[in-house]
Amino acid sequence: MSWAAHPAEDAQVVRLSLDESERFSAIFDTYFGEIHRYVAQRLGADAAEDIVAETFLTAFRKRAQYDPSRAGVRAWLYGIATNLIGRHRRVEVRTLRALGRHGPDPDTPGHEEHVAVRVSAESLRPSLAAALAGLHQRDRDVLLLVALAGLSHEEIAIALGIPYGTVGSRLNRARKKLRATLGETNPMLESEEAGRG
């Protein structure tokens, strides 16, 4: 069982890792898969490895500055990952546009890459991927932290360092733009219904 099973325990692990650095591996073990899936869905499997490694390296280096009264470890890690994704904005937009035009590449080699592409393909239908590419980065960040990571409004506010109310307004704006771009349709439901038909 991981040391970092609950938010209070996560914070304790980070604090203890200041004296015993190897304890930070529990944070890595607990959150690596989740953070990797999020990054892979946004930037693709190739970029995910580097971004996730940089996320945990940044967290490790800045663990003395971590303040558990401001954010849970999970939100803190998503904030770091999202900031790093922002530096790769062009890659994300290019990936979304490519998915919008062609869908996922079915011939992607390697099991891990295949799984990441399949997950992205299931989450981001071509019309949705193209619409996401058209969103402003800050709106896309909020929307994808809800949709892909399942973060609450409060966690997103903490992760991105923005007011709670701003999360709601950015999410609302992103949803309105997506609806307008997609013609008031839900591409996830359409794909599911087509599969049943």
Protein backbone atom coordinates (compact mmCIF):
# COMPACT_ATOMS: atom_id res chain seq x y z
CA MET A 1 0.00 0.00 0.00
CA SER A 2 1.22 3.47 -0.88
CA TRP A 3 2.10 5.99 1.80
CA ALA A 4 0.18 8.60 -0.20
CA ALA A 5 -3.30 7.12 -0.02
CA HIS A 6 -5.10 10.31 1.17
CA PRO A 7 -4.56 14.06 0.74
CA ALA A 8 -3.37 14.56 4.34
CA GLU A 9 -1.01 11.63 3.97
CA ASP A 10 0.24 13.00 0.63
CA ALA A 11 1.20 16.26 2.34
CA GLN A 12 2.92 14.30 5.12
CA VAL A 13 4.91 12.32 2.54
CA VAL A 14 6.07 15.52 0.85
CA ARG A 15 7.10 16.97 4.23
CA LEU A 16 8.96 13.78 5.23
CA SER A 17 10.70 13.70 1.84
CA LEU A 18 12.55 16.88 2.78
CA ASP A 19 14.71 14.79 5.13
CA GLU A 20 14.33 11.43 3.41
CA SER A 21 14.15 12.17 -0.32
CA GLU A 22 13.35 8.57 -1.25
CA ARG A 23 9.91 8.99 0.35
CA PHE A 24 8.90 11.20 -2.57
CA SER A 25 8.74 8.04 -4.68
CA ALA A 26 5.36 7.33 -3.02
CA ILE A 27 3.99 10.52 -4.62
CA PHE A 28 5.40 9.43 -7.97
CA ASP A 29 3.96 5.92 -7.62
CA THR A 30 0.54 7.22 -6.63
CA TYR A 31 0.11 9.91 -9.27
CA PHE A 32 2.32 8.99 -12.23
CA GLY A 33 -0.32 7.06 -14.17
CA GLU A 34 -3.00 9.68 -13.66
CA ILE A 35 -0.77 12.60 -14.64
CA HIS A 36 0.61 10.65 -17.61
CA ARG A 37 -2.88 9.91 -18.97
CA TYR A 38 -3.81 13.58 -18.69
CA VAL A 39 -0.68 14.79 -20.48
CA ALA A 40 -0.87 12.06 -23.15
CA GLN A 41 -4.45 13.03 -23.94
CA ARG A 42 -3.40 16.64 -24.38
CA LEU A 43 -0.04 16.32 -26.16
CA GLY A 44 0.17 12.73 -27.36
CA ALA A 45 2.20 9.82 -26.06
CA ASP A 46 5.54 11.02 -27.44
CA ALA A 47 5.53 14.32 -25.56
CA ALA A 48 3.92 12.87 -22.44
CA GLU A 49 7.00 11.03 -21.20
CA ASP A 50 9.12 14.18 -21.12
CA ILE A 51 6.42 16.41 -19.66
CA VAL A 52 5.49 13.95 -16.91
CA ALA A 53 9.14 13.41 -16.01
CA GLU A 54 9.59 17.18 -15.86
CA THR A 55 6.41 17.50 -13.76
CA PHE A 56 7.70 15.16 -11.08
CA LEU A 57 11.22 16.56 -11.23
CA THR A 58 9.82 20.08 -10.73
CA ALA A 59 7.63 18.88 -7.86
CA PHE A 60 10.59 17.14 -6.25
CA ARG A 61 12.81 20.21 -6.57
CA LYS A 62 10.09 22.52 -5.24
CA ARG A 63 8.78 20.24 -2.51
CA ALA A 64 10.15 22.54 0.22
CA GLN A 65 7.89 25.29 -1.17
CA TYR A 66 4.78 23.07 -1.25
CA ASP A 67 2.08 24.48 1.03
CA PRO A 68 -0.60 21.91 1.95
CA SER A 69 -2.89 24.68 3.20
CA ARG A 70 -3.10 26.04 -0.37
CA ALA A 71 -3.40 22.84 -2.42
CA GLY A 72 -3.56 19.08 -2.21
CA VAL A 73 -0.65 17.25 -3.79
CA ARG A 74 -2.86 16.06 -6.66
CA ALA A 75 -3.95 19.62 -7.60
CA TRP A 76 -0.36 20.83 -7.17
CA LEU A 77 0.90 18.19 -9.63
CA TYR A 78 -1.84 18.96 -12.15
CA GLY A 79 -0.93 22.64 -11.89
CA ILE A 80 2.71 21.90 -12.65
CA ALA A 81 1.77 19.60 -15.54
CA THR A 82 -0.66 22.14 -17.00
CA ASN A 83 1.95 24.90 -16.81
CA LEU A 84 4.42 22.66 -18.63
CA ILE A 85 1.78 21.78 -21.24
CA GLY A 86 1.31 25.52 -21.76
CA ARG A 87 4.92 25.74 -22.86
CA HIS A 88 4.09 23.19 -25.54
CA ARG A 89 0.93 24.95 -26.74
CA ARG A 90 1.82 24.59 -30.41
CA VAL A 91 2.29 20.82 -30.02
CA GLU A 92 -1.11 20.51 -28.33
CA VAL A 93 -2.92 22.55 -30.97
CA ARG A 94 -1.16 20.62 -33.75
CA THR A 95 -2.14 17.31 -32.10
CA LEU A 96 -5.77 18.40 -31.70
CA ARG A 97 -5.94 19.62 -35.29
CA ALA A 98 -4.45 16.37 -36.57
CA LEU A 99 -6.95 14.35 -34.55
CA GLY A 100 -9.66 16.62 -35.94
CA ARG A 101 -8.63 15.94 -39.52
CA HIS A 102 -7.66 12.31 -39.39
CA GLY A 103 -8.57 10.79 -36.04
CA PRO A 104 -5.98 8.69 -34.21
CA ASP A 105 -3.26 6.78 -36.04
CA PRO A 106 -4.27 3.10 -35.77
CA ASP A 107 -0.73 1.96 -36.61
CA THR A 108 1.00 3.59 -33.65
CA PRO A 109 3.70 1.14 -32.49
CA GLY A 110 4.18 -0.01 -28.92
CA HIS A 111 1.61 -1.04 -26.33
CA GLU A 112 1.86 2.11 -24.18
CA GLU A 113 1.56 4.41 -27.18
CA HIS A 114 -1.35 2.34 -28.53
CA VAL A 115 -3.19 2.62 -25.22
CA ALA A 116 -2.55 6.38 -25.01
CA VAL A 117 -3.75 6.93 -28.58
CA ARG A 118 -6.83 4.76 -27.96
CA VAL A 119 -7.67 6.69 -24.82
CA SER A 120 -7.24 9.96 -26.72
CA ALA A 121 -9.34 8.66 -29.58
CA GLU A 122 -12.13 7.66 -27.22
CA SER A 123 -12.00 11.01 -25.44
CA LEU A 124 -11.44 13.27 -28.39
CA ARG A 125 -13.57 12.50 -31.42
CA PRO A 126 -12.28 14.32 -34.53
CA SER A 127 -14.92 17.07 -34.43
CA LEU A 128 -14.31 17.64 -30.72
CA ALA A 129 -10.52 17.68 -31.17
CA ALA A 130 -10.81 20.30 -33.90
CA ALA A 131 -13.13 22.40 -31.74
CA LEU A 132 -10.76 22.16 -28.75
CA ALA A 133 -7.90 23.38 -30.94
CA GLY A 134 -9.88 26.55 -31.54
CA LEU A 135 -10.25 27.39 -27.84
CA HIS A 136 -7.98 29.87 -26.10
CA GLN A 137 -5.34 28.04 -24.05
CA ARG A 138 -6.65 29.24 -20.68
CA ASP A 139 -10.19 28.06 -21.49
CA ARG A 140 -8.91 24.74 -22.84
CA ASP A 141 -6.84 24.19 -19.66
CA VAL A 142 -9.89 24.60 -17.43
CA LEU A 143 -12.14 22.47 -19.62
CA LEU A 144 -9.62 19.63 -19.92
CA LEU A 145 -8.79 19.65 -16.21
CA VAL A 146 -12.50 18.98 -15.63
CA ALA A 147 -13.01 16.56 -18.51
CA LEU A 148 -9.76 14.58 -18.49
CA ALA A 149 -8.53 14.89 -14.92
CA GLY A 150 -11.84 15.14 -13.09
CA LEU A 151 -10.65 18.04 -10.93
CA SER A 152 -13.19 20.11 -9.03
CA HIS A 153 -13.55 23.85 -9.59
CA GLU A 154 -11.67 24.43 -6.33
CA GLU A 155 -8.81 22.12 -7.34
CA ILE A 156 -8.55 23.82 -10.74
CA ALA A 157 -8.45 27.25 -9.11
CA ILE A 158 -5.61 26.08 -6.91
CA ALA A 159 -3.78 24.24 -9.70
CA LEU A 160 -3.87 27.21 -12.06
CA GLY A 161 -3.57 29.92 -9.42
CA ILE A 162 -6.78 31.66 -10.50
CA PRO A 163 -9.87 32.73 -8.53
CA TYR A 164 -12.62 30.16 -8.04
CA GLY A 165 -15.12 32.29 -9.99
CA THR A 166 -12.76 32.52 -12.94
CA VAL A 167 -12.81 28.73 -13.24
CA GLY A 168 -16.57 28.77 -13.68
CA SER A 169 -16.53 31.61 -16.20
CA ARG A 170 -13.73 30.01 -18.28
CA LEU A 171 -15.50 26.66 -18.21
CA ASN A 172 -18.79 28.25 -19.21
CA ARG A 173 -17.11 30.18 -22.04
CA ALA A 174 -15.32 27.04 -23.29
CA ARG A 175 -18.53 25.01 -23.27
CA LYS A 176 -20.44 27.73 -25.15
CA LYS A 177 -17.71 27.96 -27.79
CA LEU A 178 -17.62 24.18 -28.18
CA ARG A 179 -21.40 23.98 -28.53
CA ALA A 180 -21.38 26.75 -31.13
CA THR A 181 -18.51 25.15 -33.07
CA LEU A 182 -20.05 21.68 -32.92
CA GLY A 183 -23.52 22.88 -33.93
CA GLU A 184 -25.10 22.18 -30.55
CA THR A 185 -24.25 18.46 -30.85
CA ASN A 186 -22.39 16.18 -28.47
CA PRO A 187 -19.75 14.27 -30.50
CA MET A 188 -19.28 11.76 -27.68
CA LEU A 189 -22.95 10.75 -27.73
CA GLU A 190 -23.10 10.67 -31.52
CA SER A 191 -20.15 8.26 -31.69
CA GLU A 192 -21.61 6.03 -28.98
CA GLU A 193 -25.03 5.96 -30.67
CA ALA A 194 -23.46 5.19 -34.06
CA GLY A 195 -21.63 2.25 -32.48
CA ARG A 196 -24.92 0.85 -31.14
CA GLY A 197 -26.82 1.38 -34.42
